[in-house]
Amino acid sequence: MYTRWLNILLMAALLWLSACGKDTSIEDPGYRLRIRVVPMIDGFPLQRGVDQSNSWGEAFRTDVFRIYLGGFALLDEGTDPVSDHPDTYHLLDVFDSASMSINIHGNGTPFRRLRLQIGIDSIRNVSGAQTGSLDPLLGMFWTWQTGYIHAKFEGSSPASTRPDKRFTYHIGGFRQGQDSKRILMLDLPVNKAWSLERSGLTEITLHMDIGAWFRSEHDLPISAQAQVMQPGLLAVQYADNYARMFSLESIERR
């Protein structure tokens, strides 16, 4: 009987120690992380209603640029998350400064990479009416069949082949062969692991350079295509390009 109770006590102690060892992987609101996104065009600040140009030499003005980010995770040296927010989505609007910062929390476990997702998961695309950043009233939802617009880019350009000289890119799609969701893995720009501090704030700065929208994995000048408003091959190509817009520029304590 004594041996049986001793074994039970030892097992309980091991379980307690195991739980203690996992404390650093529990999300804690005290460990704050802010992801700040800076919109650019080929290295220059993106401006609203101002003549700028892309790498094709095409002048254009930006009126609307919105894009969904989500699935934020802090990773170790590989792909294992030490802090994970898989069902978190945020709508960036480059002309709404308040939307360009994303606040999440983590823990004290060291990390070396940031994972993020551009676009909305297929399950969310077919989950009916939603709220917050996924509220259809925000103008980023097509229909239950085609789902969410992952990125919206509208403006004007003399290079546009449309009579009104406008360009309109509404990029989305979640079905097989049309998926415009993209996963990014961004290494920290420091040659060491980083840890969030409890009761402190760490800020990661991302550059979002929309020059890649027009030329990166695919050559997509405005003159070749001034309008995409449904899922398909062209939307997939634009998704390949917008995955190249993001770079992790800095990480620092505030």
Protein backbone atom coordinates (compact mmCIF):
# COMPACT_ATOMS: atom_id res chain seq x y z
CA MET A 1 0.00 0.00 0.00
CA TYR A 2 2.85 2.36 0.94
CA THR A 3 4.60 1.70 -2.39
CA ARG A 4 1.38 2.36 -4.32
CA TRP A 5 0.83 5.74 -2.65
CA LEU A 6 4.50 6.62 -3.15
CA ASN A 7 4.18 5.92 -6.88
CA ILE A 8 1.05 8.08 -7.07
CA LEU A 9 2.82 10.95 -5.31
CA LEU A 10 5.84 10.64 -7.59
CA MET A 11 3.61 10.67 -10.66
CA ALA A 12 1.78 13.77 -9.42
CA ALA A 13 5.10 15.50 -8.78
CA LEU A 14 6.32 14.69 -12.29
CA LEU A 15 3.11 16.03 -13.82
CA TRP A 16 3.43 19.22 -11.76
CA LEU A 17 7.05 19.72 -12.83
CA SER A 18 6.10 19.07 -16.46
CA ALA A 19 3.39 21.71 -16.26
CA CYS A 20 5.83 24.18 -14.72
CA GLY A 21 8.28 23.55 -17.54
CA LYS A 22 5.64 24.57 -20.07
CA ASP A 23 4.77 27.90 -18.48
CA THR A 24 6.86 29.87 -20.99
CA SER A 25 4.65 28.65 -23.86
CA ILE A 26 1.47 30.09 -22.33
CA GLU A 27 0.30 33.36 -23.85
CA ASP A 28 0.57 36.20 -21.31
CA PRO A 29 -0.89 39.69 -21.91
CA GLY A 30 2.14 41.10 -20.11
CA TYR A 31 4.42 40.13 -23.01
CA ARG A 32 3.40 42.69 -25.62
CA LEU A 33 4.39 42.75 -29.28
CA ARG A 34 3.48 45.45 -31.78
CA ILE A 35 3.91 44.81 -35.51
CA ARG A 36 4.17 48.12 -37.36
CA VAL A 37 3.74 48.07 -41.14
CA VAL A 38 5.24 50.87 -43.26
CA PRO A 39 3.77 51.19 -46.80
CA MET A 40 6.22 52.05 -49.59
CA ILE A 41 6.65 52.07 -53.35
CA ASP A 42 10.11 51.05 -54.54
CA GLY A 43 11.70 52.41 -51.37
CA PHE A 44 9.71 55.66 -51.14
CA PRO A 45 6.71 56.36 -48.87
CA LEU A 46 3.40 55.46 -50.47
CA GLN A 47 1.14 58.52 -50.73
CA ARG A 48 -2.53 58.97 -51.45
CA GLY A 49 -3.61 60.79 -54.60
CA VAL A 50 -0.02 61.74 -55.49
CA ASP A 51 1.73 60.87 -58.75
CA GLN A 52 4.24 58.09 -58.15
CA SER A 53 5.75 55.50 -60.46
CA ASN A 54 6.50 51.80 -60.50
CA SER A 55 9.58 50.02 -61.82
CA TRP A 56 7.98 49.90 -65.28
CA GLY A 57 8.06 53.68 -65.39
CA GLU A 58 4.28 53.84 -65.19
CA ALA A 59 2.90 56.83 -63.32
CA PHE A 60 -0.03 56.07 -61.03
CA ARG A 61 -2.04 57.42 -58.11
CA THR A 62 -3.19 55.22 -55.26
CA ASP A 63 -6.70 55.72 -53.90
CA VAL A 64 -7.22 52.47 -51.99
CA PHE A 65 -4.86 49.82 -50.70
CA ARG A 66 -6.12 47.28 -48.18
CA ILE A 67 -4.79 43.84 -47.35
CA TYR A 68 -5.51 41.14 -44.77
CA LEU A 69 -2.77 39.81 -42.51
CA GLY A 70 -3.24 37.03 -39.98
CA GLY A 71 -1.95 33.76 -38.57
CA PHE A 72 0.80 35.53 -36.62
CA ALA A 73 3.35 33.30 -34.89
CA LEU A 74 6.79 33.64 -33.35
CA LEU A 75 9.01 30.72 -34.31
CA ASP A 76 12.18 29.11 -33.05
CA GLU A 77 15.08 28.32 -35.42
CA GLY A 78 12.84 25.97 -37.39
CA THR A 79 9.12 26.16 -37.96
CA ASP A 80 7.90 25.34 -34.47
CA PRO A 81 5.85 28.19 -32.94
CA VAL A 82 6.73 29.42 -29.47
CA SER A 83 3.75 31.79 -29.62
CA ASP A 84 0.87 31.28 -32.02
CA HIS A 85 -2.23 33.27 -33.05
CA PRO A 86 -3.64 31.08 -35.84
CA ASP A 87 -7.15 32.55 -35.94
CA THR A 88 -6.28 36.25 -35.71
CA TYR A 89 -6.94 38.53 -38.70
CA HIS A 90 -6.17 42.20 -39.21
CA LEU A 91 -7.17 44.47 -42.09
CA LEU A 92 -4.46 46.94 -43.08
CA ASP A 93 -5.61 50.16 -44.74
CA VAL A 94 -2.56 52.14 -45.80
CA PHE A 95 -4.43 55.44 -45.49
CA ASP A 96 -5.69 54.71 -41.99
CA SER A 97 -2.60 55.02 -39.80
CA ALA A 98 -4.29 53.38 -36.82
CA SER A 99 -4.76 50.17 -38.82
CA MET A 100 -1.06 49.90 -39.66
CA SER A 101 -0.07 48.65 -36.21
CA ILE A 102 -1.04 45.20 -34.95
CA ASN A 103 -0.90 44.43 -31.24
CA ILE A 104 -0.59 40.85 -30.02
CA HIS A 105 0.91 39.16 -26.97
CA GLY A 106 3.25 36.24 -26.46
CA ASN A 107 5.52 34.82 -23.80
CA GLY A 108 9.15 34.83 -22.74
CA THR A 109 10.33 32.00 -24.98
CA PRO A 110 13.17 33.07 -27.36
CA PHE A 111 12.29 33.27 -31.06
CA ARG A 112 14.12 33.95 -34.32
CA ARG A 113 11.40 34.27 -36.97
CA LEU A 114 7.99 35.79 -37.58
CA ARG A 115 5.35 33.87 -39.48
CA LEU A 116 2.35 35.64 -40.97
CA GLN A 117 -0.36 34.93 -43.46
CA ILE A 118 -1.67 37.14 -46.24
CA GLY A 119 -5.35 36.49 -46.81
CA ILE A 120 -8.10 34.47 -45.14
CA ASP A 121 -8.26 30.71 -44.54
CA SER A 122 -10.77 28.69 -46.57
CA ILE A 123 -12.82 27.79 -43.48
CA ARG A 124 -13.34 31.45 -42.64
CA ASN A 125 -14.32 32.13 -46.24
CA VAL A 126 -17.34 29.87 -45.90
CA SER A 127 -18.26 30.48 -42.25
CA GLY A 128 -21.13 32.90 -42.78
CA ALA A 129 -21.49 36.43 -41.44
CA GLN A 130 -18.57 37.46 -39.22
CA THR A 131 -17.54 40.47 -37.18
CA GLY A 132 -14.48 42.59 -36.45
CA SER A 133 -11.92 42.74 -39.26
CA LEU A 134 -13.95 40.15 -41.17
CA ASP A 135 -17.21 42.12 -41.13
CA PRO A 136 -18.60 42.16 -44.72
CA LEU A 137 -19.53 45.81 -44.20
CA LEU A 138 -15.82 46.67 -44.54
CA GLY A 139 -16.12 46.06 -48.27
CA MET A 140 -13.69 43.12 -48.41
CA PHE A 141 -16.20 40.34 -49.07
CA TRP A 142 -17.53 39.13 -52.42
CA THR A 143 -20.07 36.32 -51.93
CA TRP A 144 -20.33 33.02 -50.07
CA GLN A 145 -19.08 31.30 -53.24
CA THR A 146 -15.96 33.40 -53.80
CA GLY A 147 -15.28 34.52 -50.21
CA TYR A 148 -13.08 37.38 -49.08
CA ILE A 149 -11.02 39.86 -51.06
CA HIS A 150 -7.55 39.30 -49.63
CA ALA A 151 -6.09 42.48 -51.10
CA LYS A 152 -7.70 45.52 -52.73
CA PHE A 153 -5.69 48.04 -54.78
CA GLU A 154 -7.40 50.85 -56.67
CA GLY A 155 -6.18 54.01 -58.34
CA SER A 156 -5.56 55.73 -61.67
CA SER A 157 -2.79 55.70 -64.25
CA PRO A 158 -2.18 56.99 -67.77
CA ALA A 159 -0.90 53.47 -68.50
CA SER A 160 -4.34 51.96 -67.87
CA THR A 161 -6.10 50.62 -70.96
CA ARG A 162 -9.51 51.40 -69.49
CA PRO A 163 -11.32 54.44 -70.91
CA ASP A 164 -11.48 56.06 -67.47
CA LYS A 165 -7.74 55.38 -66.88
CA ARG A 166 -8.52 53.61 -63.63
CA PHE A 167 -7.04 50.34 -62.33
CA THR A 168 -8.85 47.99 -59.98
CA TYR A 169 -7.34 44.90 -58.40
CA HIS A 170 -9.51 42.84 -56.04
CA ILE A 171 -7.47 39.73 -55.32
CA GLY A 172 -8.98 36.70 -53.61
CA GLY A 173 -9.82 33.04 -54.01
CA PHE A 174 -9.59 30.02 -51.74
CA ARG A 175 -10.56 27.01 -53.82
CA GLN A 176 -8.06 24.54 -55.28
CA GLY A 177 -6.10 26.16 -58.09
CA GLN A 178 -7.34 29.63 -57.09
CA ASP A 179 -5.87 30.02 -53.61
CA SER A 180 -4.46 33.53 -53.11
CA LYS A 181 -3.56 33.04 -49.46
CA ARG A 182 0.19 33.16 -48.84
CA ILE A 183 2.35 32.22 -45.83
CA LEU A 184 5.50 34.24 -45.10
CA MET A 185 8.47 33.33 -42.89
CA LEU A 186 10.55 36.39 -42.00
CA ASP A 187 13.86 36.09 -40.17
CA LEU A 188 14.75 38.62 -37.51
CA PRO A 189 17.42 41.11 -38.69
CA VAL A 190 19.64 40.25 -35.71
CA ASN A 191 22.02 37.33 -35.44
CA LYS A 192 20.51 35.99 -32.22
CA ALA A 193 17.29 34.87 -30.63
CA TRP A 194 14.98 37.52 -29.18
CA SER A 195 12.71 37.32 -26.15
CA LEU A 196 9.73 39.45 -25.25
CA GLU A 197 10.01 41.11 -21.86
CA ARG A 198 7.21 40.88 -19.34
CA SER A 199 5.56 44.25 -18.74
CA GLY A 200 7.49 45.58 -21.73
CA LEU A 201 6.78 46.29 -25.40
CA THR A 202 8.71 44.92 -28.37
CA GLU A 203 8.11 46.47 -31.79
CA ILE A 204 8.74 44.75 -35.11
CA THR A 205 8.79 47.00 -38.18
CA LEU A 206 7.77 45.53 -41.52
CA HIS A 207 8.18 47.32 -44.84
CA MET A 208 5.37 46.66 -47.30
CA ASP A 209 6.68 47.74 -50.69
CA ILE A 210 3.93 47.62 -53.29
CA GLY A 211 6.48 47.92 -56.06
CA ALA A 212 6.56 44.11 -55.87
CA TRP A 213 2.86 44.07 -56.79
CA PHE A 214 3.81 45.06 -60.35
CA ARG A 215 7.12 43.23 -60.76
CA SER A 216 8.60 40.42 -58.70
CA GLU A 217 7.74 36.78 -59.37
CA HIS A 218 5.53 37.83 -62.30
CA ASP A 219 5.69 40.85 -64.61
CA LEU A 220 2.35 42.61 -64.16
CA PRO A 221 2.48 46.21 -65.41
CA ILE A 222 -0.67 48.30 -65.30
CA SER A 223 -0.61 48.54 -69.12
CA ALA A 224 -0.97 44.76 -69.40
CA GLN A 225 -3.81 44.36 -66.93
CA ALA A 226 -5.81 47.20 -65.39
CA GLN A 227 -8.58 45.15 -63.80
CA VAL A 228 -8.82 41.87 -61.87
CA MET A 229 -11.97 41.33 -59.84
CA GLN A 230 -12.42 37.58 -59.49
CA PRO A 231 -10.45 34.46 -58.49
CA GLY A 232 -8.40 32.78 -61.19
CA LEU A 233 -4.94 32.50 -62.71
CA LEU A 234 -4.27 36.25 -62.75
CA ALA A 235 -5.32 36.60 -59.11
CA VAL A 236 -2.91 33.79 -58.19
CA GLN A 237 -0.09 35.63 -59.97
CA TYR A 238 -0.82 38.85 -58.13
CA ALA A 239 -0.85 36.85 -54.88
CA ASP A 240 2.61 35.47 -55.73
CA ASN A 241 3.75 39.06 -56.19
CA TYR A 242 2.20 40.54 -53.06
CA ALA A 243 3.90 37.83 -51.02
CA ARG A 244 7.16 39.55 -52.01
CA MET A 245 6.09 42.96 -50.68
CA PHE A 246 7.00 42.31 -47.04
CA SER A 247 10.39 42.51 -45.37
CA LEU A 248 11.28 42.56 -41.67
CA GLU A 249 13.36 45.69 -41.17
CA SER A 250 13.89 45.97 -37.41
CA ILE A 251 13.02 44.72 -33.95
CA GLU A 252 13.49 46.82 -30.83
CA ARG A 253 12.27 47.37 -27.31
CA ARG A 254 10.07 50.37 -26.57
